Amino acid sequence: MKRNENFSVIYADDDIVALNKSSGLLVAADRWDPDAARLDILATKELCADGQRLFAVHRIDKDTSGIVVYARNEEAHRALSMAFENRAVDKTYHALVYGRPAWETLDVNVPLRADGDQKHRTVKDTHKGKAALTKFSVLGEAGPFTWIEAKPVTGRTHQIRAHLAISGLTIVCDPLYGKPDALYLSKIKRKWQGDEFEERPLLDRLALHAYRMRVAHPRTGEPMEFIAPYPKDLDTTRKQLAKLFKADPLAGENAEGGATTSE
């Protein structure tokens, strides 16, 4: 798997490329920060020959890590764009949230409107909002936190974050919809021994990761599954919480990630 500090390549062929991006990296141009580093530009420089380009077919938030898929030609772009438009793409995210929900599974079907307040958050709007559906399930309770699986059926801006907030939950280290506080081991481990002035946070960015995507190959129609391994900071958090609370969102999963095809 090819890697650099901004992304790694999960899968690539002549039609499609699946990348595992880091948190804090835009996937396309942003009107609020036009000069910020962008995944499409960085990946084009590294993966494409002169005159070639990558075609965007979907987006994930700047602060979210995980899978981003691009088409490598116009035909693949049309096919993948239609797949996303027709909701024929199965997307799975993992999130670490504060608290414990009263449910094991929950479908949130609440219309959303992007850029809905002064902080440019996505907000509930039953009159002018666009249809939005997210399916949530609990992966495991880890002391004061819970690992959540989120499967967005639609693809609205900040959909998972907004739907969790509407449901009374916030993702760890979410400065926009929750608390920006970093996660420190000393705050959750009893009898922690260390120097509080030297301690570095386990996690200091949004604990949301685009973990799995299933989509038909744009040329062959063959079902494909892409899995993005957790980045180092999130994986370290996972391992520490698993030691302390015996809850692991990747139990039984292929933690190495990659791409697979099926019959």
C-alpha atoms as a PDB file:
ATOM      1  CA  MET A   1       0.000   0.000   0.000  1.00  0.00           C
ATOM      2  CA  LYS A   2       1.549   3.305  -1.108  1.00  0.00           C
ATOM      3  CA  ARG A   3       1.710   5.893   1.673  1.00  0.00           C
ATOM      4  CA  ASN A   4       2.620   9.467   2.421  1.00  0.00           C
ATOM      5  CA  GLU A   5       1.725  11.708   5.341  1.00  0.00           C
ATOM      6  CA  ASN A   6      -1.574  12.831   3.765  1.00  0.00           C
ATOM      7  CA  PHE A   7      -3.028   9.658   2.269  1.00  0.00           C
ATOM      8  CA  SER A   8      -2.424   6.044   1.369  1.00  0.00           C
ATOM      9  CA  VAL A   9      -3.631   4.139  -1.679  1.00  0.00           C
ATOM     10  CA  ILE A  10      -6.073   1.355  -0.854  1.00  0.00           C
ATOM     11  CA  TYR A  11      -6.733   0.343  -4.459  1.00  0.00           C
ATOM     12  CA  ALA A  12      -5.996   1.662  -7.946  1.00  0.00           C
ATOM     13  CA  ASP A  13      -6.584   0.540 -11.521  1.00  0.00           C
ATOM     14  CA  ASP A  14      -7.224   2.306 -14.835  1.00  0.00           C
ATOM     15  CA  ASP A  15     -10.752   3.343 -13.817  1.00  0.00           C
ATOM     16  CA  ILE A  16     -10.843   3.960 -10.099  1.00  0.00           C
ATOM     17  CA  VAL A  17      -8.638   4.871  -7.161  1.00  0.00           C
ATOM     18  CA  ALA A  18      -9.574   4.481  -3.487  1.00  0.00           C
ATOM     19  CA  LEU A  19      -7.577   6.511  -0.992  1.00  0.00           C
ATOM     20  CA  ASN A  20      -7.375   6.581   2.800  1.00  0.00           C
ATOM     21  CA  LYS A  21      -6.986  10.255   3.676  1.00  0.00           C
ATOM     22  CA  SER A  22      -5.792  11.846   6.884  1.00  0.00           C
ATOM     23  CA  SER A  23      -7.928  14.086   9.071  1.00  0.00           C
ATOM     24  CA  GLY A  24      -7.570  17.800   8.354  1.00  0.00           C
ATOM     25  CA  LEU A  25      -7.197  17.437   4.583  1.00  0.00           C
ATOM     26  CA  LEU A  26      -9.796  18.805   2.173  1.00  0.00           C
ATOM     27  CA  VAL A  27     -10.984  16.546  -0.633  1.00  0.00           C
ATOM     28  CA  ALA A  28     -11.935  19.419  -2.975  1.00  0.00           C
ATOM     29  CA  ALA A  29     -11.950  23.214  -3.180  1.00  0.00           C
ATOM     30  CA  ASP A  30     -13.356  25.034  -0.160  1.00  0.00           C
ATOM     31  CA  ARG A  31     -14.843  28.507  -0.373  1.00  0.00           C
ATOM     32  CA  TRP A  32     -13.766  29.333   3.186  1.00  0.00           C
ATOM     33  CA  ASP A  33     -10.125  28.359   2.695  1.00  0.00           C
ATOM     34  CA  PRO A  34      -9.219  28.288  -1.024  1.00  0.00           C
ATOM     35  CA  ASP A  35      -5.490  27.901  -0.318  1.00  0.00           C
ATOM     36  CA  ALA A  36      -5.758  24.903   2.010  1.00  0.00           C
ATOM     37  CA  ALA A  37      -4.098  21.607   1.061  1.00  0.00           C
ATOM     38  CA  ARG A  38      -6.374  19.350  -0.997  1.00  0.00           C
ATOM     39  CA  LEU A  39      -6.398  15.606  -1.486  1.00  0.00           C
ATOM     40  CA  ASP A  40      -7.356  15.791  -5.170  1.00  0.00           C
ATOM     41  CA  ILE A  41      -4.367  17.998  -5.993  1.00  0.00           C
ATOM     42  CA  LEU A  42      -1.888  15.997  -3.915  1.00  0.00           C
ATOM     43  CA  ALA A  43      -3.124  12.670  -5.290  1.00  0.00           C
ATOM     44  CA  THR A  44      -3.112  13.914  -8.895  1.00  0.00           C
ATOM     45  CA  LYS A  45       0.534  14.950  -8.571  1.00  0.00           C
ATOM     46  CA  GLU A  46       1.510  11.583  -7.140  1.00  0.00           C
ATOM     47  CA  LEU A  47      -0.704   9.172  -9.075  1.00  0.00           C
ATOM     48  CA  CYS A  48      -1.364  10.729 -12.474  1.00  0.00           C
ATOM     49  CA  ALA A  49       0.807  11.218 -15.513  1.00  0.00           C
ATOM     50  CA  ASP A  50       0.923  14.561 -17.329  1.00  0.00           C
ATOM     51  CA  GLY A  51      -2.481  15.462 -18.721  1.00  0.00           C
ATOM     52  CA  GLN A  52      -4.357  12.942 -16.571  1.00  0.00           C
ATOM     53  CA  ARG A  53      -6.717  13.924 -13.787  1.00  0.00           C
ATOM     54  CA  LEU A  54      -8.865  12.512 -11.017  1.00  0.00           C
ATOM     55  CA  PHE A  55     -12.640  12.995 -11.146  1.00  0.00           C
ATOM     56  CA  ALA A  56     -14.458  13.600  -7.855  1.00  0.00           C
ATOM     57  CA  VAL A  57     -17.586  11.504  -7.298  1.00  0.00           C
ATOM     58  CA  HIS A  58     -18.258  12.217  -3.603  1.00  0.00           C
ATOM     59  CA  ARG A  59     -16.848  14.064  -0.587  1.00  0.00           C
ATOM     60  CA  ILE A  60     -16.128  13.530   3.083  1.00  0.00           C
ATOM     61  CA  ASP A  61     -15.544  16.245   5.666  1.00  0.00           C
ATOM     62  CA  LYS A  62     -12.123  17.820   6.012  1.00  0.00           C
ATOM     63  CA  ASP A  63     -11.904  16.668   9.643  1.00  0.00           C
ATOM     64  CA  THR A  64     -12.968  13.090   8.843  1.00  0.00           C
ATOM     65  CA  SER A  65     -10.349  10.494   7.962  1.00  0.00           C
ATOM     66  CA  GLY A  66     -10.859   7.492   5.728  1.00  0.00           C
ATOM     67  CA  ILE A  67     -12.023   6.381   2.295  1.00  0.00           C
ATOM     68  CA  VAL A  68     -12.313   8.737  -0.651  1.00  0.00           C
ATOM     69  CA  VAL A  69     -12.898   7.333  -4.145  1.00  0.00           C
ATOM     70  CA  TYR A  70     -12.031   9.077  -7.400  1.00  0.00           C
ATOM     71  CA  ALA A  71     -12.676   8.106 -11.007  1.00  0.00           C
ATOM     72  CA  ARG A  72      -9.746   8.118 -13.430  1.00  0.00           C
ATOM     73  CA  ASN A  73     -11.648   8.721 -16.680  1.00  0.00           C
ATOM     74  CA  GLU A  74     -14.924  10.217 -17.870  1.00  0.00           C
ATOM     75  CA  GLU A  75     -16.695   6.879 -18.322  1.00  0.00           C
ATOM     76  CA  ALA A  76     -15.883   5.772 -14.780  1.00  0.00           C
ATOM     77  CA  HIS A  77     -16.861   9.216 -13.524  1.00  0.00           C
ATOM     78  CA  ARG A  78     -20.327   8.904 -15.029  1.00  0.00           C
ATOM     79  CA  ALA A  79     -20.850   5.388 -13.666  1.00  0.00           C
ATOM     80  CA  LEU A  80     -19.650   6.174 -10.154  1.00  0.00           C
ATOM     81  CA  SER A  81     -21.541   9.469 -10.004  1.00  0.00           C
ATOM     82  CA  MET A  82     -24.746   7.639 -10.921  1.00  0.00           C
ATOM     83  CA  ALA A  83     -24.043   5.010  -8.256  1.00  0.00           C
ATOM     84  CA  PHE A  84     -23.755   7.691  -5.586  1.00  0.00           C
ATOM     85  CA  GLU A  85     -26.765   9.586  -6.912  1.00  0.00           C
ATOM     86  CA  ASN A  86     -28.884   6.417  -6.917  1.00  0.00           C
ATOM     87  CA  ARG A  87     -27.684   5.465  -3.416  1.00  0.00           C
ATOM     88  CA  ALA A  88     -26.127   2.279  -4.722  1.00  0.00           C
ATOM     89  CA  VAL A  89     -22.995   2.795  -2.614  1.00  0.00           C
ATOM     90  CA  ASP A  90     -22.817   1.256   0.858  1.00  0.00           C
ATOM     91  CA  LYS A  91     -20.793   3.484   3.219  1.00  0.00           C
ATOM     92  CA  THR A  92     -19.770   2.645   6.778  1.00  0.00           C
ATOM     93  CA  TYR A  93     -18.213   5.063   9.249  1.00  0.00           C
ATOM     94  CA  HIS A  94     -16.890   4.477  12.752  1.00  0.00           C
ATOM     95  CA  ALA A  95     -17.186   7.177  15.404  1.00  0.00           C
ATOM     96  CA  LEU A  96     -16.247   7.483  19.058  1.00  0.00           C
ATOM     97  CA  VAL A  97     -18.869   9.472  20.952  1.00  0.00           C
ATOM     98  CA  TYR A  98     -19.247  10.778  24.470  1.00  0.00           C
ATOM     99  CA  GLY A  99     -21.689   8.927  26.701  1.00  0.00           C
ATOM    100  CA  ARG A 100     -23.850   5.863  26.210  1.00  0.00           C
ATOM    101  CA  PRO A 101     -26.944   5.899  23.996  1.00  0.00           C
ATOM    102  CA  ALA A 102     -30.154   4.326  25.234  1.00  0.00           C
ATOM    103  CA  TRP A 103     -30.455   2.363  21.989  1.00  0.00           C
ATOM    104  CA  GLU A 104     -28.560  -0.396  20.190  1.00  0.00           C
ATOM    105  CA  THR A 105     -29.714   0.705  16.742  1.00  0.00           C
ATOM    106  CA  LEU A 106     -31.257   3.967  15.595  1.00  0.00           C
ATOM    107  CA  ASP A 107     -32.399   5.357  12.246  1.00  0.00           C
ATOM    108  CA  VAL A 108     -32.321   9.160  12.074  1.00  0.00           C
ATOM    109  CA  ASN A 109     -34.470  10.458   9.236  1.00  0.00           C
ATOM    110  CA  VAL A 110     -34.286  14.228   9.689  1.00  0.00           C
ATOM    111  CA  PRO A 111     -34.026  16.828   6.880  1.00  0.00           C
ATOM    112  CA  LEU A 112     -30.850  18.892   7.015  1.00  0.00           C
ATOM    113  CA  ARG A 113     -29.787  22.283   5.752  1.00  0.00           C
ATOM    114  CA  ALA A 114     -26.094  23.005   5.303  1.00  0.00           C
ATOM    115  CA  ASP A 115     -24.496  26.273   6.410  1.00  0.00           C
ATOM    116  CA  GLY A 116     -27.467  26.818   8.702  1.00  0.00           C
ATOM    117  CA  ASP A 117     -26.000  29.125  11.364  1.00  0.00           C
ATOM    118  CA  GLN A 118     -23.169  31.545  12.077  1.00  0.00           C
ATOM    119  CA  LYS A 119     -20.733  28.668  12.625  1.00  0.00           C
ATOM    120  CA  HIS A 120     -21.715  27.210   9.227  1.00  0.00           C
ATOM    121  CA  ARG A 121     -23.072  24.062  10.842  1.00  0.00           C
ATOM    122  CA  THR A 122     -25.600  21.769   9.224  1.00  0.00           C
ATOM    123  CA  VAL A 123     -28.911  22.086  11.042  1.00  0.00           C
ATOM    124  CA  LYS A 124     -32.311  20.419  11.207  1.00  0.00           C
ATOM    125  CA  ASP A 125     -34.794  22.095   8.883  1.00  0.00           C
ATOM    126  CA  THR A 126     -38.097  20.339   8.245  1.00  0.00           C
ATOM    127  CA  HIS A 127     -39.219  23.021   5.778  1.00  0.00           C
ATOM    128  CA  LYS A 128     -36.190  23.863   3.630  1.00  0.00           C
ATOM    129  CA  GLY A 129     -33.836  21.024   4.484  1.00  0.00           C
ATOM    130  CA  LYS A 130     -32.923  18.150   2.187  1.00  0.00           C
ATOM    131  CA  ALA A 131     -33.906  14.576   2.995  1.00  0.00           C
ATOM    132  CA  ALA A 132     -31.245  12.874   5.116  1.00  0.00           C
ATOM    133  CA  LEU A 133     -31.137   9.362   6.578  1.00  0.00           C
ATOM    134  CA  THR A 134     -28.425   7.814   8.734  1.00  0.00           C
ATOM    135  CA  LYS A 135     -28.528   4.344  10.289  1.00  0.00           C
ATOM    136  CA  PHE A 136     -26.630   4.035  13.582  1.00  0.00           C
ATOM    137  CA  SER A 137     -25.680   1.003  15.660  1.00  0.00           C
ATOM    138  CA  VAL A 138     -23.572   0.494  18.779  1.00  0.00           C
ATOM    139  CA  LEU A 139     -20.246  -1.284  18.272  1.00  0.00           C
ATOM    140  CA  GLY A 140     -19.215  -1.269  21.923  1.00  0.00           C
ATOM    141  CA  GLU A 141     -19.287   0.728  25.147  1.00  0.00           C
ATOM    142  CA  ALA A 142     -15.896   1.912  26.398  1.00  0.00           C
ATOM    143  CA  GLY A 143     -16.303   3.506  29.815  1.00  0.00           C
ATOM    144  CA  PRO A 144     -17.418   7.112  29.290  1.00  0.00           C
ATOM    145  CA  PHE A 145     -17.451   6.598  25.521  1.00  0.00           C
ATOM    146  CA  THR A 146     -19.244   4.492  22.924  1.00  0.00           C
ATOM    147  CA  TRP A 147     -18.044   3.254  19.541  1.00  0.00           C
ATOM    148  CA  ILE A 148     -20.766   3.858  16.955  1.00  0.00           C
ATOM    149  CA  GLU A 149     -21.220   2.543  13.422  1.00  0.00           C
ATOM    150  CA  ALA A 150     -22.879   5.047  11.104  1.00  0.00           C
ATOM    151  CA  LYS A 151     -24.254   4.206   7.670  1.00  0.00           C
ATOM    152  CA  PRO A 152     -25.364   7.349   5.825  1.00  0.00           C
ATOM    153  CA  VAL A 153     -27.929   6.527   3.145  1.00  0.00           C
ATOM    154  CA  THR A 154     -27.839  10.093   1.830  1.00  0.00           C
ATOM    155  CA  GLY A 155     -24.748  12.274   1.587  1.00  0.00           C
ATOM    156  CA  ARG A 156     -25.436  15.657   3.150  1.00  0.00           C
ATOM    157  CA  THR A 157     -22.710  17.930   4.503  1.00  0.00           C
ATOM    158  CA  HIS A 158     -21.774  16.935   8.085  1.00  0.00           C
ATOM    159  CA  GLN A 159     -24.684  14.487   8.019  1.00  0.00           C
ATOM    160  CA  ILE A 160     -23.357  12.031  10.616  1.00  0.00           C
ATOM    161  CA  ARG A 161     -22.200  14.770  12.975  1.00  0.00           C
ATOM    162  CA  ALA A 162     -25.477  16.673  12.672  1.00  0.00           C
ATOM    163  CA  HIS A 163     -27.691  13.593  13.087  1.00  0.00           C
ATOM    164  CA  LEU A 164     -25.746  12.490  16.159  1.00  0.00           C
ATOM    165  CA  ALA A 165     -26.043  15.971  17.648  1.00  0.00           C
ATOM    166  CA  ILE A 166     -29.795  15.970  16.985  1.00  0.00           C
ATOM    167  CA  SER A 167     -29.923  12.619  18.817  1.00  0.00           C
ATOM    168  CA  GLY A 168     -28.103  14.055  21.837  1.00  0.00           C
ATOM    169  CA  LEU A 169     -24.649  12.623  21.104  1.00  0.00           C
ATOM    170  CA  THR A 170     -21.431  14.298  20.049  1.00  0.00           C
ATOM    171  CA  ILE A 171     -18.280  12.850  18.559  1.00  0.00           C
ATOM    172  CA  VAL A 172     -15.096  13.050  20.597  1.00  0.00           C
ATOM    173  CA  CYS A 173     -12.958  16.087  19.692  1.00  0.00           C
ATOM    174  CA  ASP A 174     -15.631  17.703  17.541  1.00  0.00           C
ATOM    175  CA  PRO A 175     -15.149  21.487  17.894  1.00  0.00           C
ATOM    176  CA  LEU A 176     -18.136  22.308  15.702  1.00  0.00           C
ATOM    177  CA  TYR A 177     -20.932  20.179  17.140  1.00  0.00           C
ATOM    178  CA  GLY A 178     -19.483  19.258  20.530  1.00  0.00           C
ATOM    179  CA  LYS A 179     -16.388  19.884  22.629  1.00  0.00           C
ATOM    180  CA  PRO A 180     -12.935  20.587  21.166  1.00  0.00           C
ATOM    181  CA  ASP A 181     -11.228  19.010  24.203  1.00  0.00           C
ATOM    182  CA  ALA A 182      -8.466  16.528  23.385  1.00  0.00           C
ATOM    183  CA  LEU A 183      -8.635  12.975  24.757  1.00  0.00           C
ATOM    184  CA  TYR A 184      -5.920  12.139  27.322  1.00  0.00           C
ATOM    185  CA  LEU A 185      -5.186   8.723  28.763  1.00  0.00           C
ATOM    186  CA  SER A 186      -4.710  10.287  32.212  1.00  0.00           C
ATOM    187  CA  LYS A 187      -8.377  11.322  32.223  1.00  0.00           C
ATOM    188  CA  ILE A 188      -9.722   7.796  31.706  1.00  0.00           C
ATOM    189  CA  LYS A 189      -7.152   5.434  33.230  1.00  0.00           C
ATOM    190  CA  ARG A 190      -7.171   4.869  36.962  1.00  0.00           C
ATOM    191  CA  LYS A 191      -3.807   5.072  38.708  1.00  0.00           C
ATOM    192  CA  TRP A 192      -2.278   6.674  35.631  1.00  0.00           C
ATOM    193  CA  GLN A 193       1.399   7.294  36.201  1.00  0.00           C
ATOM    194  CA  GLY A 194       3.108   9.917  34.144  1.00  0.00           C
ATOM    195  CA  ASP A 195       4.066  13.552  33.881  1.00  0.00           C
ATOM    196  CA  GLU A 196       0.971  15.634  33.254  1.00  0.00           C
ATOM    197  CA  PHE A 197       3.129  18.388  31.780  1.00  0.00           C
ATOM    198  CA  GLU A 198       4.693  16.009  29.256  1.00  0.00           C
ATOM    199  CA  GLU A 199       1.615  13.963  28.367  1.00  0.00           C
ATOM    200  CA  ARG A 200       0.511  14.077  24.765  1.00  0.00           C
ATOM    201  CA  PRO A 201      -3.157  13.484  23.859  1.00  0.00           C
ATOM    202  CA  LEU A 202      -4.330  10.146  22.539  1.00  0.00           C
ATOM    203  CA  LEU A 203      -6.551  12.039  20.140  1.00  0.00           C
ATOM    204  CA  ASP A 204      -6.953  15.707  19.336  1.00  0.00           C
ATOM    205  CA  ARG A 205      -9.001  15.590  16.154  1.00  0.00           C
ATOM    206  CA  LEU A 206     -12.499  14.513  15.146  1.00  0.00           C
ATOM    207  CA  ALA A 207     -13.019  10.831  16.042  1.00  0.00           C
ATOM    208  CA  LEU A 208     -14.851   9.980  12.811  1.00  0.00           C
ATOM    209  CA  HIS A 209     -13.450   7.609  10.196  1.00  0.00           C
ATOM    210  CA  ALA A 210     -14.842   6.497   6.836  1.00  0.00           C
ATOM    211  CA  TYR A 211     -14.042   2.836   7.369  1.00  0.00           C
ATOM    212  CA  ARG A 212     -15.679   0.773   4.610  1.00  0.00           C
ATOM    213  CA  MET A 213     -17.228   1.312   1.185  1.00  0.00           C
ATOM    214  CA  ARG A 214     -18.939  -1.165  -1.108  1.00  0.00           C
ATOM    215  CA  VAL A 215     -19.575  -0.194  -4.729  1.00  0.00           C
ATOM    216  CA  ALA A 216     -19.776  -1.835  -8.142  1.00  0.00           C
ATOM    217  CA  HIS A 217     -16.703  -1.404 -10.304  1.00  0.00           C
ATOM    218  CA  PRO A 218     -17.578   1.265 -12.910  1.00  0.00           C
ATOM    219  CA  ARG A 219     -16.340  -0.811 -15.866  1.00  0.00           C
ATOM    220  CA  THR A 220     -16.973  -4.458 -14.941  1.00  0.00           C
ATOM    221  CA  GLY A 221     -19.866  -4.087 -12.505  1.00  0.00           C
ATOM    222  CA  GLU A 222     -18.030  -6.421 -10.133  1.00  0.00           C
ATOM    223  CA  PRO A 223     -18.861  -5.769  -6.447  1.00  0.00           C
ATOM    224  CA  MET A 224     -15.903  -4.211  -4.654  1.00  0.00           C
ATOM    225  CA  GLU A 225     -15.216  -3.553  -0.980  1.00  0.00           C
ATOM    226  CA  PHE A 226     -12.656  -1.052   0.262  1.00  0.00           C
ATOM    227  CA  ILE A 227     -11.543  -0.897   3.905  1.00  0.00           C
ATOM    228  CA  ALA A 228      -9.461   1.967   5.279  1.00  0.00           C
ATOM    229  CA  PRO A 229      -7.317   1.049   8.298  1.00  0.00           C
ATOM    230  CA  TYR A 230      -7.607   3.395  11.256  1.00  0.00           C
ATOM    231  CA  PRO A 231      -4.928   6.105  11.234  1.00  0.00           C
ATOM    232  CA  LYS A 232      -2.300   5.872  13.960  1.00  0.00           C
ATOM    233  CA  ASP A 233      -3.922   8.279  16.438  1.00  0.00           C
ATOM    234  CA  LEU A 234      -7.360   6.674  16.210  1.00  0.00           C
ATOM    235  CA  ASP A 235      -5.913   3.171  16.312  1.00  0.00           C
ATOM    236  CA  THR A 236      -3.873   3.998  19.421  1.00  0.00           C
ATOM    237  CA  THR A 237      -7.070   5.276  21.034  1.00  0.00           C
ATOM    238  CA  ARG A 238      -8.886   2.088  20.022  1.00  0.00           C
ATOM    239  CA  LYS A 239      -6.196  -0.134  21.538  1.00  0.00           C
ATOM    240  CA  GLN A 240      -6.058   1.798  24.805  1.00  0.00           C
ATOM    241  CA  LEU A 241      -9.837   1.759  25.212  1.00  0.00           C
ATOM    242  CA  ALA A 242      -9.917  -1.940  24.358  1.00  0.00           C
ATOM    243  CA  LYS A 243      -7.391  -2.643  27.116  1.00  0.00           C
ATOM    244  CA  LEU A 244      -9.283  -0.586  29.658  1.00  0.00           C
ATOM    245  CA  PHE A 245     -12.886  -1.434  28.798  1.00  0.00           C
ATOM    246  CA  LYS A 246     -12.758  -4.622  26.671  1.00  0.00           C
ATOM    247  CA  ALA A 247     -14.616  -3.001  23.776  1.00  0.00           C
ATOM    248  CA  ASP A 248     -13.052  -3.053  20.315  1.00  0.00           C
ATOM    249  CA  PRO A 249     -14.895  -1.733  17.235  1.00  0.00           C
ATOM    250  CA  LEU A 250     -12.604  -3.811  15.012  1.00  0.00           C
ATOM    251  CA  ALA A 251     -13.186  -7.123  16.759  1.00  0.00           C
ATOM    252  CA  GLY A 252     -13.507  -9.686  13.988  1.00  0.00           C
ATOM    253  CA  GLU A 253     -12.569  -7.126  11.326  1.00  0.00           C
ATOM    254  CA  ASN A 254      -9.591  -7.020   8.972  1.00  0.00           C
ATOM    255  CA  ALA A 255      -7.605  -4.299  10.744  1.00  0.00           C
ATOM    256  CA  GLU A 256      -5.079  -4.178   7.872  1.00  0.00           C
ATOM    257  CA  GLY A 257      -7.739  -2.973   5.456  1.00  0.00           C
ATOM    258  CA  GLY A 258      -7.446  -3.111   1.673  1.00  0.00           C
ATOM    259  CA  ALA A 259      -9.688  -3.943  -1.257  1.00  0.00           C
ATOM    260  CA  THR A 260     -11.608  -7.113  -2.085  1.00  0.00           C
ATOM    261  CA  THR A 261     -13.921  -8.288  -4.826  1.00  0.00           C
ATOM    262  CA  SER A 262     -16.740 -10.791  -4.610  1.00  0.00           C
ATOM    263  CA  GLU A 263     -18.621 -13.014  -6.993  1.00  0.00           C
END
